[in-house]
Amino acid sequence: MKSADFRCGTIAIVGKPNVGKSTLLNHLVGEKVSITSRKAQTTRHRITGILTVADTQYVFVDTPGFQTKNASALNRLMNRSITQALQDVDVILVVLEAGRISREDRQVFELLPPGRPAVLALNKIDRLADKKLLLPLLAELQAGRAFSDIVPVSAKSGEQTAALLQALRQHLPQQPAIYTEGEFTDRSERFLAAELVREKLFRQLGDELPYGASTTVEKFETEGKLRRIHVAIIVDKASHKAMVIGKGGEKLKLIGSDARRDMEKLFGGKVFLQIWVKVKHGWADDERALKNLGFEP
């Protein structure tokens, strides 16, 4: 961190929903900073992940996938979060799924502010049986927006992520580190706990779960290395509450046990976790309720 050529800067990670932005962030940082699932719209908040190496500190800002399908207050807030992130960073990392460019991808390209350096990561190349299929896609991309670099990567396996970091580094300013060595996010344990429960909620219920669900920590107490955490799952309808709890409470037990294991690994200590489900009609279209749940205005 004392190199004469030390660089430090911010990088917004953007892309349509479900292209692997959060998985890529977690791999680059080496910690579970952002939750993941196979469902689109898993990420709802701007989340900072920090990677510090000998001569560089990368400050990644993971953003929600840009929402185009409906205009709820929640989606408006998420889109506002993306727009703000694009204005505040040194370089933009656009993530695209290798294989094709969709209309939603092009809508993301249109959001990119002119004059801001942008690097494109073609993700999920491990899924391509024939890498030659990348060639026509690369040609199409190079004929479109002027990305400073296009790097095929796999967030899952880590393939080509070192090359991606090098491509990003050249756009970061020469300045001292913003965060101390060892920090991997600016988010609190309280925030991370709520997110881990929401991740398990998405994973356990799969496509059964409507998007009308969120999580909030109502109590977070620390006693030495023991953490006592009380989390409420907020749903839109009574029928959703029954779905989350499951027959005999089995779904809720699985959500709790899976989330607790991840918390103990991330926090480095024992966790006593209590979860219950509350019904709040129309929360996703109520800006006051969204603010209470931690969504940025």
C-alpha atoms as a PDB file:
ATOM      1  CA  MET A   1       0.000   0.000   0.000  1.00  0.00           C
ATOM      2  CA  LYS A   2       3.069   2.262  -0.039  1.00  0.00           C
ATOM      3  CA  SER A   3       3.960   1.806  -3.712  1.00  0.00           C
ATOM      4  CA  ALA A   4       4.869   5.019  -5.555  1.00  0.00           C
ATOM      5  CA  ASP A   5       2.344   3.962  -8.215  1.00  0.00           C
ATOM      6  CA  PHE A   6      -0.404   3.025  -5.738  1.00  0.00           C
ATOM      7  CA  ARG A   7      -3.843   3.435  -7.252  1.00  0.00           C
ATOM      8  CA  CYS A   8      -7.238   3.575  -5.589  1.00  0.00           C
ATOM      9  CA  GLY A   9     -10.632   4.247  -7.086  1.00  0.00           C
ATOM     10  CA  THR A  10     -14.274   3.322  -7.378  1.00  0.00           C
ATOM     11  CA  ILE A  11     -15.815   0.962  -9.918  1.00  0.00           C
ATOM     12  CA  ALA A  12     -19.556   0.635 -10.527  1.00  0.00           C
ATOM     13  CA  ILE A  13     -20.673  -2.853 -11.565  1.00  0.00           C
ATOM     14  CA  VAL A  14     -23.728  -2.595 -13.816  1.00  0.00           C
ATOM     15  CA  GLY A  15     -25.732  -4.860 -16.081  1.00  0.00           C
ATOM     16  CA  LYS A  16     -29.203  -6.249 -16.590  1.00  0.00           C
ATOM     17  CA  PRO A  17     -30.595  -8.564 -13.880  1.00  0.00           C
ATOM     18  CA  ASN A  18     -29.118 -12.039 -13.459  1.00  0.00           C
ATOM     19  CA  VAL A  19     -25.893 -11.691 -15.461  1.00  0.00           C
ATOM     20  CA  GLY A  20     -23.683 -12.555 -12.479  1.00  0.00           C
ATOM     21  CA  LYS A  21     -22.698  -9.119 -11.124  1.00  0.00           C
ATOM     22  CA  SER A  22     -22.859 -10.140  -7.463  1.00  0.00           C
ATOM     23  CA  THR A  23     -21.108 -13.467  -8.061  1.00  0.00           C
ATOM     24  CA  LEU A  24     -18.307 -11.607  -9.830  1.00  0.00           C
ATOM     25  CA  LEU A  25     -18.013  -9.078  -6.993  1.00  0.00           C
ATOM     26  CA  ASN A  26     -17.799 -11.839  -4.358  1.00  0.00           C
ATOM     27  CA  HIS A  27     -15.100 -13.653  -6.335  1.00  0.00           C
ATOM     28  CA  LEU A  28     -13.024 -10.509  -6.829  1.00  0.00           C
ATOM     29  CA  VAL A  29     -13.260  -9.469  -3.162  1.00  0.00           C
ATOM     30  CA  GLY A  30     -12.875 -12.999  -1.794  1.00  0.00           C
ATOM     31  CA  GLU A  31     -15.779 -12.616   0.649  1.00  0.00           C
ATOM     32  CA  LYS A  32     -19.552 -12.943   0.453  1.00  0.00           C
ATOM     33  CA  VAL A  33     -20.354  -9.242   0.242  1.00  0.00           C
ATOM     34  CA  SER A  34     -23.386  -9.445  -2.042  1.00  0.00           C
ATOM     35  CA  ILE A  35     -26.071 -12.127  -1.920  1.00  0.00           C
ATOM     36  CA  THR A  36     -26.727 -14.302  -4.954  1.00  0.00           C
ATOM     37  CA  SER A  37     -29.454 -16.538  -6.323  1.00  0.00           C
ATOM     38  CA  ARG A  38     -30.683 -17.704  -9.703  1.00  0.00           C
ATOM     39  CA  LYS A  39     -33.574 -15.275  -9.490  1.00  0.00           C
ATOM     40  CA  ALA A  40     -33.346 -11.876 -11.107  1.00  0.00           C
ATOM     41  CA  GLN A  41     -33.590  -8.803  -8.832  1.00  0.00           C
ATOM     42  CA  THR A  42     -31.704 -10.481  -5.974  1.00  0.00           C
ATOM     43  CA  THR A  43     -29.555  -7.362  -5.449  1.00  0.00           C
ATOM     44  CA  ARG A  44     -31.636  -4.374  -4.308  1.00  0.00           C
ATOM     45  CA  HIS A  45     -29.055  -2.078  -2.682  1.00  0.00           C
ATOM     46  CA  ARG A  46     -25.791  -0.459  -3.684  1.00  0.00           C
ATOM     47  CA  ILE A  47     -23.155  -2.590  -1.970  1.00  0.00           C
ATOM     48  CA  THR A  48     -19.455  -1.747  -1.708  1.00  0.00           C
ATOM     49  CA  GLY A  49     -16.860  -4.508  -1.924  1.00  0.00           C
ATOM     50  CA  ILE A  50     -13.180  -3.722  -1.322  1.00  0.00           C
ATOM     51  CA  LEU A  51     -10.133  -5.541  -2.694  1.00  0.00           C
ATOM     52  CA  THR A  52      -6.683  -4.337  -1.561  1.00  0.00           C
ATOM     53  CA  VAL A  53      -3.524  -5.731  -3.142  1.00  0.00           C
ATOM     54  CA  ALA A  54       0.108  -4.568  -3.081  1.00  0.00           C
ATOM     55  CA  ASP A  55      -0.291  -1.613  -5.442  1.00  0.00           C
ATOM     56  CA  THR A  56      -4.050  -1.096  -5.805  1.00  0.00           C
ATOM     57  CA  GLN A  57      -7.255  -0.731  -3.828  1.00  0.00           C
ATOM     58  CA  TYR A  58     -10.342  -1.531  -5.899  1.00  0.00           C
ATOM     59  CA  VAL A  59     -13.586  -0.171  -4.420  1.00  0.00           C
ATOM     60  CA  PHE A  60     -16.409  -1.957  -6.232  1.00  0.00           C
ATOM     61  CA  VAL A  61     -19.991  -0.711  -6.089  1.00  0.00           C
ATOM     62  CA  ASP A  62     -22.430  -3.512  -6.893  1.00  0.00           C
ATOM     63  CA  THR A  63     -25.722  -2.146  -8.192  1.00  0.00           C
ATOM     64  CA  PRO A  64     -29.160  -3.704  -8.748  1.00  0.00           C
ATOM     65  CA  GLY A  65     -29.970  -4.906 -12.241  1.00  0.00           C
ATOM     66  CA  PHE A  66     -31.671  -2.133 -14.221  1.00  0.00           C
ATOM     67  CA  GLN A  67     -35.448  -2.621 -13.982  1.00  0.00           C
ATOM     68  CA  THR A  68     -37.596  -2.100 -17.081  1.00  0.00           C
ATOM     69  CA  LYS A  69     -40.660  -4.299 -16.500  1.00  0.00           C
ATOM     70  CA  ASN A  70     -42.663  -2.300 -13.951  1.00  0.00           C
ATOM     71  CA  ALA A  71     -42.597   1.059 -12.214  1.00  0.00           C
ATOM     72  CA  SER A  72     -43.057   0.262  -8.532  1.00  0.00           C
ATOM     73  CA  ALA A  73     -41.470   2.558  -5.961  1.00  0.00           C
ATOM     74  CA  LEU A  74     -38.935  -0.193  -5.239  1.00  0.00           C
ATOM     75  CA  ASN A  75     -37.859  -0.418  -8.880  1.00  0.00           C
ATOM     76  CA  ARG A  76     -37.706   3.374  -9.221  1.00  0.00           C
ATOM     77  CA  LEU A  77     -35.389   3.531  -6.200  1.00  0.00           C
ATOM     78  CA  MET A  78     -33.180   0.778  -7.608  1.00  0.00           C
ATOM     79  CA  ASN A  79     -32.886   2.486 -10.996  1.00  0.00           C
ATOM     80  CA  ARG A  80     -32.099   5.784  -9.255  1.00  0.00           C
ATOM     81  CA  SER A  81     -29.363   3.989  -7.324  1.00  0.00           C
ATOM     82  CA  ILE A  82     -27.777   2.791 -10.572  1.00  0.00           C
ATOM     83  CA  THR A  83     -27.902   6.237 -12.194  1.00  0.00           C
ATOM     84  CA  GLN A  84     -26.286   7.837  -9.143  1.00  0.00           C
ATOM     85  CA  ALA A  85     -23.548   5.212  -8.999  1.00  0.00           C
ATOM     86  CA  LEU A  86     -22.615   5.862 -12.628  1.00  0.00           C
ATOM     87  CA  GLN A  87     -22.026   9.543 -11.886  1.00  0.00           C
ATOM     88  CA  ASP A  88     -19.885   8.994  -8.788  1.00  0.00           C
ATOM     89  CA  VAL A  89     -17.259   6.436  -9.860  1.00  0.00           C
ATOM     90  CA  ASP A  90     -13.918   6.461 -11.657  1.00  0.00           C
ATOM     91  CA  VAL A  91     -14.690   3.598 -14.035  1.00  0.00           C
ATOM     92  CA  ILE A  92     -17.710   1.494 -14.964  1.00  0.00           C
ATOM     93  CA  LEU A  93     -17.613  -2.301 -15.193  1.00  0.00           C
ATOM     94  CA  VAL A  94     -20.420  -3.510 -17.452  1.00  0.00           C
ATOM     95  CA  VAL A  95     -21.285  -7.205 -17.102  1.00  0.00           C
ATOM     96  CA  LEU A  96     -22.841  -9.021 -20.034  1.00  0.00           C
ATOM     97  CA  GLU A  97     -23.628 -12.714 -20.348  1.00  0.00           C
ATOM     98  CA  ALA A  98     -21.443 -14.274 -23.040  1.00  0.00           C
ATOM     99  CA  GLY A  99     -23.369 -15.567 -26.014  1.00  0.00           C
ATOM    100  CA  ARG A 100     -25.733 -12.765 -27.008  1.00  0.00           C
ATOM    101  CA  ILE A 101     -26.726  -9.125 -26.573  1.00  0.00           C
ATOM    102  CA  SER A 102     -30.334  -8.564 -25.533  1.00  0.00           C
ATOM    103  CA  ARG A 103     -32.538  -5.471 -25.682  1.00  0.00           C
ATOM    104  CA  GLU A 104     -32.088  -5.099 -21.903  1.00  0.00           C
ATOM    105  CA  ASP A 105     -28.274  -5.100 -22.348  1.00  0.00           C
ATOM    106  CA  ARG A 106     -28.545  -2.310 -24.884  1.00  0.00           C
ATOM    107  CA  GLN A 107     -30.713  -0.311 -22.485  1.00  0.00           C
ATOM    108  CA  VAL A 108     -27.902  -0.569 -19.930  1.00  0.00           C
ATOM    109  CA  PHE A 109     -25.389   0.637 -22.544  1.00  0.00           C
ATOM    110  CA  GLU A 110     -27.561   3.715 -23.136  1.00  0.00           C
ATOM    111  CA  LEU A 111     -27.329   4.609 -19.433  1.00  0.00           C
ATOM    112  CA  LEU A 112     -23.539   4.890 -19.489  1.00  0.00           C
ATOM    113  CA  PRO A 113     -22.445   8.531 -19.188  1.00  0.00           C
ATOM    114  CA  PRO A 114     -20.294   9.760 -22.081  1.00  0.00           C
ATOM    115  CA  GLY A 115     -16.639  10.308 -21.289  1.00  0.00           C
ATOM    116  CA  ARG A 116     -16.610   7.863 -18.369  1.00  0.00           C
ATOM    117  CA  PRO A 117     -14.219   4.934 -18.997  1.00  0.00           C
ATOM    118  CA  ALA A 118     -16.028   1.604 -19.222  1.00  0.00           C
ATOM    119  CA  VAL A 119     -14.700  -1.959 -19.229  1.00  0.00           C
ATOM    120  CA  LEU A 120     -16.929  -4.794 -20.443  1.00  0.00           C
ATOM    121  CA  ALA A 121     -16.810  -8.211 -18.776  1.00  0.00           C
ATOM    122  CA  LEU A 122     -18.285 -11.020 -20.872  1.00  0.00           C
ATOM    123  CA  ASN A 123     -19.337 -13.345 -18.064  1.00  0.00           C
ATOM    124  CA  LYS A 124     -20.199 -17.077 -17.941  1.00  0.00           C
ATOM    125  CA  ILE A 125     -17.704 -18.120 -20.613  1.00  0.00           C
ATOM    126  CA  ASP A 126     -17.459 -21.452 -18.755  1.00  0.00           C
ATOM    127  CA  ARG A 127     -20.932 -22.222 -20.127  1.00  0.00           C
ATOM    128  CA  LEU A 128     -19.853 -21.845 -23.754  1.00  0.00           C
ATOM    129  CA  ALA A 129     -19.073 -25.201 -25.322  1.00  0.00           C
ATOM    130  CA  ASP A 130     -17.420 -23.485 -28.292  1.00  0.00           C
ATOM    131  CA  LYS A 131     -15.382 -20.358 -27.464  1.00  0.00           C
ATOM    132  CA  LYS A 132     -15.398 -19.440 -31.171  1.00  0.00           C
ATOM    133  CA  LEU A 133     -18.951 -18.225 -30.586  1.00  0.00           C
ATOM    134  CA  LEU A 134     -17.404 -15.241 -28.784  1.00  0.00           C
ATOM    135  CA  LEU A 135     -15.846 -13.874 -31.970  1.00  0.00           C
ATOM    136  CA  PRO A 136     -19.003 -12.506 -33.664  1.00  0.00           C
ATOM    137  CA  LEU A 137     -20.172 -11.100 -30.323  1.00  0.00           C
ATOM    138  CA  LEU A 138     -16.840  -9.332 -29.767  1.00  0.00           C
ATOM    139  CA  ALA A 139     -17.001  -7.879 -33.284  1.00  0.00           C
ATOM    140  CA  GLU A 140     -20.541  -6.578 -32.667  1.00  0.00           C
ATOM    141  CA  LEU A 141     -19.559  -5.033 -29.333  1.00  0.00           C
ATOM    142  CA  GLN A 142     -16.455  -3.359 -30.723  1.00  0.00           C
ATOM    143  CA  ALA A 143     -18.569  -1.830 -33.495  1.00  0.00           C
ATOM    144  CA  GLY A 144     -20.923  -0.338 -30.908  1.00  0.00           C
ATOM    145  CA  ARG A 145     -19.993   1.597 -27.778  1.00  0.00           C
ATOM    146  CA  ALA A 146     -16.284   2.276 -27.323  1.00  0.00           C
ATOM    147  CA  PHE A 147     -15.329   0.120 -24.325  1.00  0.00           C
ATOM    148  CA  SER A 148     -11.720   0.609 -23.271  1.00  0.00           C
ATOM    149  CA  ASP A 149     -11.370  -3.155 -22.808  1.00  0.00           C
ATOM    150  CA  ILE A 150     -13.539  -6.244 -23.358  1.00  0.00           C
ATOM    151  CA  VAL A 151     -12.542  -9.167 -21.135  1.00  0.00           C
ATOM    152  CA  PRO A 152     -14.214 -12.613 -21.311  1.00  0.00           C
ATOM    153  CA  VAL A 153     -14.444 -13.976 -17.733  1.00  0.00           C
ATOM    154  CA  SER A 154     -16.078 -16.577 -15.542  1.00  0.00           C
ATOM    155  CA  ALA A 155     -17.246 -15.245 -12.176  1.00  0.00           C
ATOM    156  CA  LYS A 156     -17.894 -18.826 -11.101  1.00  0.00           C
ATOM    157  CA  SER A 157     -14.432 -20.274 -11.823  1.00  0.00           C
ATOM    158  CA  GLY A 158     -12.375 -17.071 -11.688  1.00  0.00           C
ATOM    159  CA  GLU A 159     -11.093 -17.496 -15.238  1.00  0.00           C
ATOM    160  CA  GLN A 160      -9.612 -14.249 -16.608  1.00  0.00           C
ATOM    161  CA  THR A 161     -10.452 -12.211 -13.479  1.00  0.00           C
ATOM    162  CA  ALA A 162      -6.783 -11.233 -13.072  1.00  0.00           C
ATOM    163  CA  ALA A 163      -6.876  -9.770 -16.591  1.00  0.00           C
ATOM    164  CA  LEU A 164     -10.089  -7.936 -15.703  1.00  0.00           C
ATOM    165  CA  LEU A 165      -8.490  -6.353 -12.631  1.00  0.00           C
ATOM    166  CA  GLN A 166      -5.527  -5.191 -14.701  1.00  0.00           C
ATOM    167  CA  ALA A 167      -7.870  -3.637 -17.273  1.00  0.00           C
ATOM    168  CA  LEU A 168      -9.694  -1.759 -14.497  1.00  0.00           C
ATOM    169  CA  ARG A 169      -6.513  -0.627 -12.707  1.00  0.00           C
ATOM    170  CA  GLN A 170      -5.330   1.600 -15.541  1.00  0.00           C
ATOM    171  CA  HIS A 171      -8.381   3.834 -15.043  1.00  0.00           C
ATOM    172  CA  LEU A 172      -7.977   4.311 -11.282  1.00  0.00           C
ATOM    173  CA  PRO A 173      -6.325   7.514 -10.012  1.00  0.00           C
ATOM    174  CA  GLN A 174      -2.948   7.529  -8.265  1.00  0.00           C
ATOM    175  CA  GLN A 175      -3.885   8.196  -4.650  1.00  0.00           C
ATOM    176  CA  PRO A 176      -3.689   6.546  -1.198  1.00  0.00           C
ATOM    177  CA  ALA A 177      -6.102   3.834  -0.103  1.00  0.00           C
ATOM    178  CA  ILE A 178      -9.540   4.935   1.121  1.00  0.00           C
ATOM    179  CA  TYR A 179     -10.050   1.906   3.377  1.00  0.00           C
ATOM    180  CA  THR A 180      -7.681   0.126   5.736  1.00  0.00           C
ATOM    181  CA  GLU A 181      -6.126  -3.174   4.719  1.00  0.00           C
ATOM    182  CA  GLY A 182      -8.401  -6.079   5.611  1.00  0.00           C
ATOM    183  CA  GLU A 183     -11.704  -4.239   5.125  1.00  0.00           C
ATOM    184  CA  PHE A 184     -13.858  -5.916   2.475  1.00  0.00           C
ATOM    185  CA  THR A 185     -17.077  -3.851   2.651  1.00  0.00           C
ATOM    186  CA  ASP A 186     -18.418  -0.624   4.122  1.00  0.00           C
ATOM    187  CA  ARG A 187     -21.703  -2.307   5.024  1.00  0.00           C
ATOM    188  CA  SER A 188     -22.469  -3.186   8.642  1.00  0.00           C
ATOM    189  CA  GLU A 189     -22.912  -6.703  10.014  1.00  0.00           C
ATOM    190  CA  ARG A 190     -26.529  -5.746  10.655  1.00  0.00           C
ATOM    191  CA  PHE A 191     -27.069  -5.077   6.941  1.00  0.00           C
ATOM    192  CA  LEU A 192     -25.239  -8.249   5.901  1.00  0.00           C
ATOM    193  CA  ALA A 193     -27.345 -10.340   8.290  1.00  0.00           C
ATOM    194  CA  ALA A 194     -30.604  -9.075   6.763  1.00  0.00           C
ATOM    195  CA  GLU A 195     -29.277  -9.752   3.270  1.00  0.00           C
ATOM    196  CA  LEU A 196     -28.192 -13.313   4.094  1.00  0.00           C
ATOM    197  CA  VAL A 197     -31.686 -14.142   5.354  1.00  0.00           C
ATOM    198  CA  ARG A 198     -33.172 -12.665   2.167  1.00  0.00           C
ATOM    199  CA  GLU A 199     -30.819 -14.766   0.053  1.00  0.00           C
ATOM    200  CA  LYS A 200     -31.956 -17.972   1.758  1.00  0.00           C
ATOM    201  CA  LEU A 201     -35.560 -16.858   1.363  1.00  0.00           C
ATOM    202  CA  PHE A 202     -35.052 -16.608  -2.397  1.00  0.00           C
ATOM    203  CA  ARG A 203     -33.142 -19.871  -2.594  1.00  0.00           C
ATOM    204  CA  GLN A 204     -35.462 -21.991  -0.461  1.00  0.00           C
ATOM    205  CA  LEU A 205     -38.665 -20.894  -2.153  1.00  0.00           C
ATOM    206  CA  GLY A 206     -37.354 -20.667  -5.708  1.00  0.00           C
ATOM    207  CA  ASP A 207     -39.965 -19.531  -8.229  1.00  0.00           C
ATOM    208  CA  GLU A 208     -42.750 -19.951  -5.662  1.00  0.00           C
ATOM    209  CA  LEU A 209     -41.733 -16.753  -3.892  1.00  0.00           C
ATOM    210  CA  PRO A 210     -43.185 -13.503  -5.247  1.00  0.00           C
ATOM    211  CA  TYR A 211     -40.933 -10.471  -5.170  1.00  0.00           C
ATOM    212  CA  GLY A 212     -43.130  -8.947  -2.484  1.00  0.00           C
ATOM    213  CA  ALA A 213     -40.705  -9.973   0.278  1.00  0.00           C
ATOM    214  CA  SER A 214     -37.904  -8.216   2.139  1.00  0.00           C
ATOM    215  CA  THR A 215     -35.993  -8.501   5.423  1.00  0.00           C
ATOM    216  CA  THR A 216     -35.095  -6.174   8.270  1.00  0.00           C
ATOM    217  CA  VAL A 217     -33.029  -6.669  11.438  1.00  0.00           C
ATOM    218  CA  GLU A 218     -35.044  -5.694  14.522  1.00  0.00           C
ATOM    219  CA  LYS A 219     -32.381  -6.531  17.117  1.00  0.00           C
ATOM    220  CA  PHE A 220     -28.619  -7.074  16.853  1.00  0.00           C
ATOM    221  CA  GLU A 221     -26.693  -7.670  20.082  1.00  0.00           C
ATOM    222  CA  THR A 222     -23.073  -8.718  20.550  1.00  0.00           C
ATOM    223  CA  GLU A 223     -21.764 -10.594  23.586  1.00  0.00           C
ATOM    224  CA  GLY A 224     -18.078 -11.311  23.016  1.00  0.00           C
ATOM    225  CA  LYS A 225     -18.014 -13.427  19.851  1.00  0.00           C
ATOM    226  CA  LEU A 226     -21.709 -14.354  20.173  1.00  0.00           C
ATOM    227  CA  ARG A 227     -24.237 -12.377  18.148  1.00  0.00           C
ATOM    228  CA  ARG A 228     -27.960 -12.414  18.922  1.00  0.00           C
ATOM    229  CA  ILE A 229     -29.819 -11.408  15.778  1.00  0.00           C
ATOM    230  CA  HIS A 230     -33.593 -11.010  15.311  1.00  0.00           C
ATOM    231  CA  VAL A 231     -34.750 -10.703  11.702  1.00  0.00           C
ATOM    232  CA  ALA A 232     -38.255 -10.008  10.376  1.00  0.00           C
ATOM    233  CA  ILE A 233     -39.251 -11.193   6.904  1.00  0.00           C
ATOM    234  CA  ILE A 234     -41.729  -8.702   5.414  1.00  0.00           C
ATOM    235  CA  VAL A 235     -44.275 -10.074   2.932  1.00  0.00           C
ATOM    236  CA  ASP A 236     -47.125  -8.481   1.013  1.00  0.00           C
ATOM    237  CA  LYS A 237     -49.927 -10.994   1.688  1.00  0.00           C
ATOM    238  CA  ALA A 238     -51.017 -13.498   4.325  1.00  0.00           C
ATOM    239  CA  SER A 239     -50.752 -16.267   1.714  1.00  0.00           C
ATOM    240  CA  HIS A 240     -47.082 -15.337   1.237  1.00  0.00           C
ATOM    241  CA  LYS A 241     -46.538 -15.647   4.986  1.00  0.00           C
ATOM    242  CA  ALA A 242     -47.830 -19.212   4.949  1.00  0.00           C
ATOM    243  CA  MET A 243     -45.596 -19.961   1.975  1.00  0.00           C
ATOM    244  CA  VAL A 244     -42.475 -18.684   3.769  1.00  0.00           C
ATOM    245  CA  ILE A 245     -43.241 -20.582   6.976  1.00  0.00           C
ATOM    246  CA  GLY A 246     -44.038 -23.838   5.171  1.00  0.00           C
ATOM    247  CA  LYS A 247     -45.737 -26.954   6.494  1.00  0.00           C
ATOM    248  CA  GLY A 248     -44.921 -27.329  10.166  1.00  0.00           C
ATOM    249  CA  GLY A 249     -42.526 -24.392   9.915  1.00  0.00           C
ATOM    250  CA  GLU A 250     -40.044 -26.401   7.818  1.00  0.00           C
ATOM    251  CA  LYS A 251     -39.266 -23.691   5.238  1.00  0.00           C
ATOM    252  CA  LEU A 252     -38.593 -21.083   7.897  1.00  0.00           C
ATOM    253  CA  LYS A 253     -36.327 -23.500   9.791  1.00  0.00           C
ATOM    254  CA  LEU A 254     -34.285 -24.175   6.641  1.00  0.00           C
ATOM    255  CA  ILE A 255     -33.999 -20.450   5.884  1.00  0.00           C
ATOM    256  CA  GLY A 256     -32.795 -19.817   9.434  1.00  0.00           C
ATOM    257  CA  SER A 257     -30.270 -22.658   9.626  1.00  0.00           C
ATOM    258  CA  ASP A 258     -28.736 -21.843   6.225  1.00  0.00           C
ATOM    259  CA  ALA A 259     -28.512 -18.122   7.029  1.00  0.00           C
ATOM    260  CA  ARG A 260     -27.003 -18.770  10.465  1.00  0.00           C
ATOM    261  CA  ARG A 261     -24.228 -20.941   8.983  1.00  0.00           C
ATOM    262  CA  ASP A 262     -23.264 -18.217   6.521  1.00  0.00           C
ATOM    263  CA  MET A 263     -23.351 -15.545   9.230  1.00  0.00           C
ATOM    264  CA  GLU A 264     -21.070 -17.555  11.506  1.00  0.00           C
ATOM    265  CA  LYS A 265     -18.605 -18.024   8.654  1.00  0.00           C
ATOM    266  CA  LEU A 266     -18.691 -14.351   7.668  1.00  0.00           C
ATOM    267  CA  PHE A 267     -18.667 -12.878  11.195  1.00  0.00           C
ATOM    268  CA  GLY A 268     -16.241 -15.392  12.705  1.00  0.00           C
ATOM    269  CA  GLY A 269     -18.343 -16.289  15.751  1.00  0.00           C
ATOM    270  CA  LYS A 270     -21.464 -18.043  17.005  1.00  0.00           C
ATOM    271  CA  VAL A 271     -24.855 -16.627  16.000  1.00  0.00           C
ATOM    272  CA  PHE A 272     -28.190 -17.021  17.796  1.00  0.00           C
ATOM    273  CA  LEU A 273     -30.741 -16.234  15.069  1.00  0.00           C
ATOM    274  CA  GLN A 274     -34.481 -15.731  15.425  1.00  0.00           C
ATOM    275  CA  ILE A 275     -36.694 -15.132  12.387  1.00  0.00           C
ATOM    276  CA  TRP A 276     -40.384 -14.402  12.081  1.00  0.00           C
ATOM    277  CA  VAL A 277     -42.685 -13.281   9.264  1.00  0.00           C
ATOM    278  CA  LYS A 278     -44.780 -10.093   9.143  1.00  0.00           C
ATOM    279  CA  VAL A 279     -47.409  -9.014   6.626  1.00  0.00           C
ATOM    280  CA  LYS A 280     -47.243  -5.423   5.335  1.00  0.00           C
ATOM    281  CA  HIS A 281     -49.523  -4.845   2.359  1.00  0.00           C
ATOM    282  CA  GLY A 282     -48.086  -2.793  -0.498  1.00  0.00           C
ATOM    283  CA  TRP A 283     -44.641  -2.274   1.083  1.00  0.00           C
ATOM    284  CA  ALA A 284     -42.825  -2.393  -2.308  1.00  0.00           C
ATOM    285  CA  ASP A 285     -44.782   0.643  -3.536  1.00  0.00           C
ATOM    286  CA  ASP A 286     -44.589   2.663  -0.311  1.00  0.00           C
ATOM    287  CA  GLU A 287     -41.559   4.969  -0.219  1.00  0.00           C
ATOM    288  CA  ARG A 288     -41.864   5.512   3.550  1.00  0.00           C
ATOM    289  CA  ALA A 289     -41.886   1.752   4.162  1.00  0.00           C
ATOM    290  CA  LEU A 290     -38.916   1.327   1.799  1.00  0.00           C
ATOM    291  CA  LYS A 291     -36.953   3.972   3.715  1.00  0.00           C
ATOM    292  CA  ASN A 292     -37.663   2.115   6.982  1.00  0.00           C
ATOM    293  CA  LEU A 293     -36.328  -1.047   5.338  1.00  0.00           C
ATOM    294  CA  GLY A 294     -33.040   0.697   4.508  1.00  0.00           C
ATOM    295  CA  PHE A 295     -33.578   1.621   0.863  1.00  0.00           C
ATOM    296  CA  GLU A 296     -31.760   4.774  -0.157  1.00  0.00           C
ATOM    297  CA  PRO A 297     -33.939   7.670  -1.370  1.00  0.00           C
END
